[in-house]
Amino acid sequence: MLRKQIYLDDDTEEILKEICISMGISQSEAIRRALQEYALKLKQKKDNKENPLLKMIGIANSIVSDASEKHDEYLYGRGKC
């Protein structure tokens, strides 16, 4: 494990102390966990950006519940040929 030195403003240091007391962990452990969680979220966000289809999920709202089954009828006015 490598040693790192960081600077925290007073408010952040107070938040860190409260977290450590409530969780019963060291400040170093709290920082490691927070950094790991942050890195995981960034990776997930990056993975989602790389797949443009994932961005499309949920962009269309419909009042009909069977749009996936009868999309041809709704789009073209008739069923599948």
PDB file of N, CA and C in Angstrom:
ATOM      1  N   MET A   1       0.841  -1.168   0.000  1.00  0.00           N
ATOM      2  CA  MET A   1       0.000   0.000   0.000  1.00  0.00           C
ATOM      3  C   MET A   1       0.896   1.244   0.000  1.00  0.00           C
ATOM      4  N   LEU A   2       0.520   2.221  -0.799  1.00  0.00           N
ATOM      5  CA  LEU A   2       1.292   3.454  -0.886  1.00  0.00           C
ATOM      6  C   LEU A   2       0.711   4.518   0.030  1.00  0.00           C
ATOM      7  N   ARG A   3       1.570   5.329   0.580  1.00  0.00           N
ATOM      8  CA  ARG A   3       1.150   6.436   1.436  1.00  0.00           C
ATOM      9  C   ARG A   3       0.912   7.663   0.567  1.00  0.00           C
ATOM     10  N   LYS A   4      -0.210   8.356   0.792  1.00  0.00           N
ATOM     11  CA  LYS A   4      -0.550   9.584   0.076  1.00  0.00           C
ATOM     12  C   LYS A   4      -0.892  10.654   1.095  1.00  0.00           C
ATOM     13  N   GLN A   5      -0.584  11.880   0.757  1.00  0.00           N
ATOM     14  CA  GLN A   5      -0.922  13.005   1.626  1.00  0.00           C
ATOM     15  C   GLN A   5      -1.896  13.900   0.883  1.00  0.00           C
ATOM     16  N   ILE A   6      -2.998  14.276   1.558  1.00  0.00           N
ATOM     17  CA  ILE A   6      -3.995  15.126   0.922  1.00  0.00           C
ATOM     18  C   ILE A   6      -4.315  16.315   1.831  1.00  0.00           C
ATOM     19  N   TYR A   7      -4.917  17.325   1.233  1.00  0.00           N
ATOM     20  CA  TYR A   7      -5.361  18.496   1.977  1.00  0.00           C
ATOM     21  C   TYR A   7      -6.879  18.553   1.915  1.00  0.00           C
ATOM     22  N   LEU A   8      -7.508  18.764   3.074  1.00  0.00           N
ATOM     23  CA  LEU A   8      -8.956  18.872   3.158  1.00  0.00           C
ATOM     24  C   LEU A   8      -9.339  20.217   3.759  1.00  0.00           C
ATOM     25  N   ASP A   9     -10.428  20.794   3.247  1.00  0.00           N
ATOM     26  CA  ASP A   9     -10.916  22.009   3.895  1.00  0.00           C
ATOM     27  C   ASP A   9     -11.605  21.605   5.199  1.00  0.00           C
ATOM     28  N   ASP A  10     -11.900  22.567   6.041  1.00  0.00           N
ATOM     29  CA  ASP A  10     -12.446  22.282   7.369  1.00  0.00           C
ATOM     30  C   ASP A  10     -13.776  21.522   7.315  1.00  0.00           C
ATOM     31  N   ASP A  11     -14.650  21.913   6.410  1.00  0.00           N
ATOM     32  CA  ASP A  11     -15.956  21.254   6.302  1.00  0.00           C
ATOM     33  C   ASP A  11     -15.806  19.791   5.897  1.00  0.00           C
ATOM     34  N   THR A  12     -14.938  19.528   4.936  1.00  0.00           N
ATOM     35  CA  THR A  12     -14.727  18.149   4.475  1.00  0.00           C
ATOM     36  C   THR A  12     -14.101  17.309   5.573  1.00  0.00           C
ATOM     37  N   GLU A  13     -13.193  17.880   6.317  1.00  0.00           N
ATOM     38  CA  GLU A  13     -12.567  17.148   7.418  1.00  0.00           C
ATOM     39  C   GLU A  13     -13.602  16.792   8.489  1.00  0.00           C
ATOM     40  N   GLU A  14     -14.508  17.704   8.761  1.00  0.00           N
ATOM     41  CA  GLU A  14     -15.556  17.444   9.756  1.00  0.00           C
ATOM     42  C   GLU A  14     -16.484  16.320   9.282  1.00  0.00           C
ATOM     43  N   ILE A  15     -16.840  16.362   7.998  1.00  0.00           N
ATOM     44  CA  ILE A  15     -17.675  15.297   7.431  1.00  0.00           C
ATOM     45  C   ILE A  15     -16.948  13.956   7.520  1.00  0.00           C
ATOM     46  N   LEU A  16     -15.678  13.945   7.195  1.00  0.00           N
ATOM     47  CA  LEU A  16     -14.881  12.719   7.252  1.00  0.00           C
ATOM     48  C   LEU A  16     -14.851  12.162   8.668  1.00  0.00           C
ATOM     49  N   LYS A  17     -14.647  13.019   9.650  1.00  0.00           N
ATOM     50  CA  LYS A  17     -14.621  12.572  11.049  1.00  0.00           C
ATOM     51  C   LYS A  17     -15.953  11.950  11.454  1.00  0.00           C
ATOM     52  N   GLU A  18     -17.058  12.587  11.059  1.00  0.00           N
ATOM     53  CA  GLU A  18     -18.383  12.071  11.398  1.00  0.00           C
ATOM     54  C   GLU A  18     -18.624  10.702  10.761  1.00  0.00           C
ATOM     55  N   ILE A  19     -18.220  10.564   9.503  1.00  0.00           N
ATOM     56  CA  ILE A  19     -18.371   9.274   8.816  1.00  0.00           C
ATOM     57  C   ILE A  19     -17.576   8.191   9.535  1.00  0.00           C
ATOM     58  N   CYS A  20     -16.354   8.500   9.886  1.00  0.00           N
ATOM     59  CA  CYS A  20     -15.483   7.511  10.519  1.00  0.00           C
ATOM     60  C   CYS A  20     -16.006   7.084  11.883  1.00  0.00           C
ATOM     61  N   ILE A  21     -16.510   8.031  12.631  1.00  0.00           N
ATOM     62  CA  ILE A  21     -17.068   7.699  13.942  1.00  0.00           C
ATOM     63  C   ILE A  21     -18.305   6.824  13.787  1.00  0.00           C
ATOM     64  N   SER A  22     -19.184   7.205  12.865  1.00  0.00           N
ATOM     65  CA  SER A  22     -20.427   6.439  12.709  1.00  0.00           C
ATOM     66  C   SER A  22     -20.185   5.047  12.149  1.00  0.00           C
ATOM     67  N   MET A  23     -19.173   4.895  11.308  1.00  0.00           N
ATOM     68  CA  MET A  23     -18.893   3.596  10.695  1.00  0.00           C
ATOM     69  C   MET A  23     -17.848   2.788  11.458  1.00  0.00           C
ATOM     70  N   GLY A  24     -17.155   3.431  12.382  1.00  0.00           N
ATOM     71  CA  GLY A  24     -16.131   2.745  13.153  1.00  0.00           C
ATOM     72  C   GLY A  24     -14.920   2.353  12.324  1.00  0.00           C
ATOM     73  N   ILE A  25     -14.530   3.233  11.385  1.00  0.00           N
ATOM     74  CA  ILE A  25     -13.372   2.963  10.533  1.00  0.00           C
ATOM     75  C   ILE A  25     -12.404   4.136  10.593  1.00  0.00           C
ATOM     76  N   SER A  26     -11.201   3.902  10.118  1.00  0.00           N
ATOM     77  CA  SER A  26     -10.196   4.970  10.097  1.00  0.00           C
ATOM     78  C   SER A  26     -10.486   5.948   8.963  1.00  0.00           C
ATOM     79  N   GLN A  27      -9.888   7.122   9.062  1.00  0.00           N
ATOM     80  CA  GLN A  27     -10.044   8.106   7.999  1.00  0.00           C
ATOM     81  C   GLN A  27      -9.460   7.580   6.691  1.00  0.00           C
ATOM     82  N   SER A  28      -8.351   6.897   6.760  1.00  0.00           N
ATOM     83  CA  SER A  28      -7.744   6.329   5.558  1.00  0.00           C
ATOM     84  C   SER A  28      -8.677   5.328   4.895  1.00  0.00           C
ATOM     85  N   GLU A  29      -9.315   4.489   5.700  1.00  0.00           N
ATOM     86  CA  GLU A  29     -10.243   3.490   5.155  1.00  0.00           C
ATOM     87  C   GLU A  29     -11.452   4.171   4.518  1.00  0.00           C
ATOM     88  N   ALA A  30     -11.965   5.212   5.150  1.00  0.00           N
ATOM     89  CA  ALA A  30     -13.111   5.935   4.600  1.00  0.00           C
ATOM     90  C   ALA A  30     -12.758   6.566   3.257  1.00  0.00           C
ATOM     91  N   ILE A  31     -11.576   7.140   3.171  1.00  0.00           N
ATOM     92  CA  ILE A  31     -11.133   7.756   1.914  1.00  0.00           C
ATOM     93  C   ILE A  31     -10.951   6.701   0.838  1.00  0.00           C
ATOM     94  N   ARG A  32     -10.351   5.557   1.198  1.00  0.00           N
ATOM     95  CA  ARG A  32     -10.181   4.469   0.222  1.00  0.00           C
ATOM     96  C   ARG A  32     -11.536   3.986  -0.304  1.00  0.00           C
ATOM     97  N   ARG A  33     -12.481   3.783   0.586  1.00  0.00           N
ATOM     98  CA  ARG A  33     -13.807   3.303   0.175  1.00  0.00           C
ATOM     99  C   ARG A  33     -14.509   4.323  -0.724  1.00  0.00           C
ATOM    100  N   ALA A  34     -14.412   5.590  -0.346  1.00  0.00           N
ATOM    101  CA  ALA A  34     -15.058   6.640  -1.147  1.00  0.00           C
ATOM    102  C   ALA A  34     -14.431   6.719  -2.531  1.00  0.00           C
ATOM    103  N   LEU A  35     -13.132   6.612  -2.605  1.00  0.00           N
ATOM    104  CA  LEU A  35     -12.442   6.672  -3.887  1.00  0.00           C
ATOM    105  C   LEU A  35     -12.790   5.458  -4.758  1.00  0.00           C
ATOM    106  N   GLN A  36     -12.863   4.283  -4.146  1.00  0.00           N
ATOM    107  CA  GLN A  36     -13.242   3.080  -4.897  1.00  0.00           C
ATOM    108  C   GLN A  36     -14.658   3.207  -5.448  1.00  0.00           C
ATOM    109  N   GLU A  37     -15.578   3.707  -4.631  1.00  0.00           N
ATOM    110  CA  GLU A  37     -16.959   3.878  -5.071  1.00  0.00           C
ATOM    111  C   GLU A  37     -17.045   4.905  -6.203  1.00  0.00           C
ATOM    112  N   TYR A  38     -16.313   5.994  -6.067  1.00  0.00           N
ATOM    113  CA  TYR A  38     -16.295   7.038  -7.091  1.00  0.00           C
ATOM    114  C   TYR A  38     -15.724   6.497  -8.405  1.00  0.00           C
ATOM    115  N   ALA A  39     -14.638   5.741  -8.318  1.00  0.00           N
ATOM    116  CA  ALA A  39     -14.016   5.181  -9.516  1.00  0.00           C
ATOM    117  C   ALA A  39     -14.954   4.192 -10.206  1.00  0.00           C
ATOM    118  N   LEU A  40     -15.684   3.403  -9.424  1.00  0.00           N
ATOM    119  CA  LEU A  40     -16.635   2.453  -9.996  1.00  0.00           C
ATOM    120  C   LEU A  40     -17.758   3.189 -10.730  1.00  0.00           C
ATOM    121  N   LYS A  41     -18.285   4.255 -10.146  1.00  0.00           N
ATOM    122  CA  LYS A  41     -19.338   5.041 -10.794  1.00  0.00           C
ATOM    123  C   LYS A  41     -18.839   5.669 -12.088  1.00  0.00           C
ATOM    124  N   LEU A  42     -17.615   6.167 -12.082  1.00  0.00           N
ATOM    125  CA  LEU A  42     -17.047   6.740 -13.305  1.00  0.00           C
ATOM    126  C   LEU A  42     -16.913   5.679 -14.392  1.00  0.00           C
ATOM    127  N   LYS A  43     -16.477   4.485 -14.001  1.00  0.00           N
ATOM    128  CA  LYS A  43     -16.325   3.398 -14.972  1.00  0.00           C
ATOM    129  C   LYS A  43     -17.681   3.010 -15.559  1.00  0.00           C
ATOM    130  N   GLN A  44     -18.693   2.898 -14.716  1.00  0.00           N
ATOM    131  CA  GLN A  44     -20.026   2.549 -15.194  1.00  0.00           C
ATOM    132  C   GLN A  44     -20.558   3.623 -16.133  1.00  0.00           C
ATOM    133  N   LYS A  45     -20.328   4.870 -15.789  1.00  0.00           N
ATOM    134  CA  LYS A  45     -20.767   5.979 -16.631  1.00  0.00           C
ATOM    135  C   LYS A  45     -20.055   5.924 -17.980  1.00  0.00           C
ATOM    136  N   LYS A  46     -18.763   5.638 -17.968  1.00  0.00           N
ATOM    137  CA  LYS A  46     -17.983   5.532 -19.198  1.00  0.00           C
ATOM    138  C   LYS A  46     -18.480   4.367 -20.048  1.00  0.00           C
ATOM    139  N   ASP A  47     -18.758   3.230 -19.404  1.00  0.00           N
ATOM    140  CA  ASP A  47     -19.250   2.063 -20.129  1.00  0.00           C
ATOM    141  C   ASP A  47     -20.583   2.365 -20.800  1.00  0.00           C
ATOM    142  N   ASN A  48     -21.447   3.102 -20.123  1.00  0.00           N
ATOM    143  CA  ASN A  48     -22.746   3.452 -20.696  1.00  0.00           C
ATOM    144  C   ASN A  48     -22.599   4.436 -21.845  1.00  0.00           C
ATOM    145  N   LYS A  49     -21.622   5.329 -21.776  1.00  0.00           N
ATOM    146  CA  LYS A  49     -21.397   6.282 -22.853  1.00  0.00           C
ATOM    147  C   LYS A  49     -20.930   5.587 -24.119  1.00  0.00           C
ATOM    148  N   GLU A  50     -20.211   4.499 -23.964  1.00  0.00           N
ATOM    149  CA  GLU A  50     -19.663   3.802 -25.112  1.00  0.00           C
ATOM    150  C   GLU A  50     -20.730   3.036 -25.892  1.00  0.00           C
ATOM    151  N   ASN A  51     -21.869   2.760 -25.291  1.00  0.00           N
ATOM    152  CA  ASN A  51     -22.928   2.039 -25.973  1.00  0.00           C
ATOM    153  C   ASN A  51     -24.097   3.001 -26.214  1.00  0.00           C
ATOM    154  N   PRO A  52     -24.223   3.529 -27.432  1.00  0.00           N
ATOM    155  CA  PRO A  52     -25.272   4.517 -27.697  1.00  0.00           C
ATOM    156  C   PRO A  52     -26.683   3.964 -27.523  1.00  0.00           C
ATOM    157  N   LEU A  53     -26.855   2.664 -27.650  1.00  0.00           N
ATOM    158  CA  LEU A  53     -28.186   2.084 -27.468  1.00  0.00           C
ATOM    159  C   LEU A  53     -28.661   2.197 -26.025  1.00  0.00           C
ATOM    160  N   LEU A  54     -27.719   2.123 -25.077  1.00  0.00           N
ATOM    161  CA  LEU A  54     -28.102   2.254 -23.684  1.00  0.00           C
ATOM    162  C   LEU A  54     -28.631   3.648 -23.377  1.00  0.00           C
ATOM    163  N   LYS A  55     -28.181   4.643 -24.129  1.00  0.00           N
ATOM    164  CA  LYS A  55     -28.666   6.001 -23.926  1.00  0.00           C
ATOM    165  C   LYS A  55     -30.133   6.139 -24.329  1.00  0.00           C
ATOM    166  N   MET A  56     -30.581   5.277 -25.218  1.00  0.00           N
ATOM    167  CA  MET A  56     -31.937   5.379 -25.745  1.00  0.00           C
ATOM    168  C   MET A  56     -32.983   4.807 -24.801  1.00  0.00           C
ATOM    169  N   ILE A  57     -32.562   4.030 -23.827  1.00  0.00           N
ATOM    170  CA  ILE A  57     -33.511   3.407 -22.917  1.00  0.00           C
ATOM    171  C   ILE A  57     -34.298   4.481 -22.180  1.00  0.00           C
ATOM    172  N   GLY A  58     -35.601   4.391 -22.299  1.00  0.00           N
ATOM    173  CA  GLY A  58     -36.474   5.294 -21.562  1.00  0.00           C
ATOM    174  C   GLY A  58     -36.725   6.642 -22.189  1.00  0.00           C
ATOM    175  N   ILE A  59     -36.228   6.912 -23.402  1.00  0.00           N
ATOM    176  CA  ILE A  59     -36.423   8.243 -23.979  1.00  0.00           C
ATOM    177  C   ILE A  59     -37.811   8.418 -24.578  1.00  0.00           C
ATOM    178  N   ALA A  60     -38.466   7.333 -24.889  1.00  0.00           N
ATOM    179  CA  ALA A  60     -39.802   7.429 -25.492  1.00  0.00           C
ATOM    180  C   ALA A  60     -40.844   6.963 -24.483  1.00  0.00           C
ATOM    181  N   ASN A  61     -41.838   7.779 -24.309  1.00  0.00           N
ATOM    182  CA  ASN A  61     -42.960   7.401 -23.455  1.00  0.00           C
ATOM    183  C   ASN A  61     -44.163   7.167 -24.342  1.00  0.00           C
ATOM    184  N   SER A  62     -44.996   6.239 -23.959  1.00  0.00           N
ATOM    185  CA  SER A  62     -46.161   5.912 -24.761  1.00  0.00           C
ATOM    186  C   SER A  62     -47.356   5.688 -23.858  1.00  0.00           C
ATOM    187  N   ILE A  63     -48.531   6.050 -24.366  1.00  0.00           N
ATOM    188  CA  ILE A  63     -49.745   5.794 -23.603  1.00  0.00           C
ATOM    189  C   ILE A  63     -50.284   4.403 -23.879  1.00  0.00           C
ATOM    190  N   VAL A  64     -49.753   3.752 -24.908  1.00  0.00           N
ATOM    191  CA  VAL A  64     -50.179   2.384 -25.217  1.00  0.00           C
ATOM    192  C   VAL A  64     -49.222   1.396 -24.564  1.00  0.00           C
ATOM    193  N   SER A  65     -49.772   0.305 -24.107  1.00  0.00           N
ATOM    194  CA  SER A  65     -48.937  -0.665 -23.397  1.00  0.00           C
ATOM    195  C   SER A  65     -48.393  -1.766 -24.301  1.00  0.00           C
ATOM    196  N   ASP A  66     -48.909  -1.858 -25.531  1.00  0.00           N
ATOM    197  CA  ASP A  66     -48.484  -2.931 -26.429  1.00  0.00           C
ATOM    198  C   ASP A  66     -47.692  -2.407 -27.634  1.00  0.00           C
ATOM    199  N   ALA A  67     -47.029  -1.267 -27.465  1.00  0.00           N
ATOM    200  CA  ALA A  67     -46.311  -0.649 -28.579  1.00  0.00           C
ATOM    201  C   ALA A  67     -45.203  -1.549 -29.121  1.00  0.00           C
ATOM    202  N   SER A  68     -44.572  -2.324 -28.266  1.00  0.00           N
ATOM    203  CA  SER A  68     -43.504  -3.196 -28.752  1.00  0.00           C
ATOM    204  C   SER A  68     -44.050  -4.344 -29.602  1.00  0.00           C
ATOM    205  N   GLU A  69     -45.267  -4.748 -29.335  1.00  0.00           N
ATOM    206  CA  GLU A  69     -45.862  -5.851 -30.083  1.00  0.00           C
ATOM    207  C   GLU A  69     -46.545  -5.382 -31.364  1.00  0.00           C
ATOM    208  N   LYS A  70     -47.169  -4.207 -31.333  1.00  0.00           N
ATOM    209  CA  LYS A  70     -47.939  -3.721 -32.481  1.00  0.00           C
ATOM    210  C   LYS A  70     -47.321  -2.465 -33.096  1.00  0.00           C
ATOM    211  N   HIS A  71     -45.999  -2.382 -33.064  1.00  0.00           N
ATOM    212  CA  HIS A  71     -45.323  -1.180 -33.552  1.00  0.00           C
ATOM    213  C   HIS A  71     -45.602  -0.908 -35.030  1.00  0.00           C
ATOM    214  N   ASP A  72     -45.677  -1.947 -35.854  1.00  0.00           N
ATOM    215  CA  ASP A  72     -45.968  -1.731 -37.279  1.00  0.00           C
ATOM    216  C   ASP A  72     -47.336  -1.077 -37.467  1.00  0.00           C
ATOM    217  N   GLU A  73     -48.305  -1.568 -36.743  1.00  0.00           N
ATOM    218  CA  GLU A  73     -49.658  -1.018 -36.853  1.00  0.00           C
ATOM    219  C   GLU A  73     -49.666   0.453 -36.438  1.00  0.00           C
ATOM    220  N   TYR A  74     -48.954   0.771 -35.349  1.00  0.00           N
ATOM    221  CA  TYR A  74     -48.930   2.153 -34.875  1.00  0.00           C
ATOM    222  C   TYR A  74     -48.121   3.064 -35.805  1.00  0.00           C
ATOM    223  N   LEU A  75     -47.055   2.543 -36.363  1.00  0.00           N
ATOM    224  CA  LEU A  75     -46.194   3.354 -37.227  1.00  0.00           C
ATOM    225  C   LEU A  75     -46.750   3.495 -38.643  1.00  0.00           C
ATOM    226  N   TYR A  76     -47.263   2.391 -39.202  1.00  0.00           N
ATOM    227  CA  TYR A  76     -47.639   2.379 -40.610  1.00  0.00           C
ATOM    228  C   TYR A  76     -49.149   2.248 -40.848  1.00  0.00           C
ATOM    229  N   GLY A  77     -49.920   2.055 -39.787  1.00  0.00           N
ATOM    230  CA  GLY A  77     -51.352   1.960 -39.925  1.00  0.00           C
ATOM    231  C   GLY A  77     -51.848   0.590 -40.305  1.00  0.00           C
ATOM    232  N   ARG A  78     -50.968  -0.395 -40.295  1.00  0.00           N
ATOM    233  CA  ARG A  78     -51.372  -1.753 -40.607  1.00  0.00           C
ATOM    234  C   ARG A  78     -50.466  -2.734 -39.867  1.00  0.00           C
ATOM    235  N   GLY A  79     -50.830  -3.966 -39.862  1.00  0.00           N
ATOM    236  CA  GLY A  79     -50.019  -5.002 -39.219  1.00  0.00           C
ATOM    237  C   GLY A  79     -48.845  -5.399 -40.086  1.00  0.00           C
ATOM    238  N   LYS A  80     -48.072  -6.346 -39.620  1.00  0.00           N
ATOM    239  CA  LYS A  80     -46.932  -6.857 -40.395  1.00  0.00           C
ATOM    240  C   LYS A  80     -47.416  -7.472 -41.694  1.00  0.00           C
ATOM    241  N   CYS A  81     -46.637  -7.335 -42.727  1.00  0.00           N
ATOM    242  CA  CYS A  81     -46.970  -7.917 -44.038  1.00  0.00           C
ATOM    243  C   CYS A  81     -46.562  -9.362 -44.096  1.00  0.00           C
TER     244      CYS A  81
END
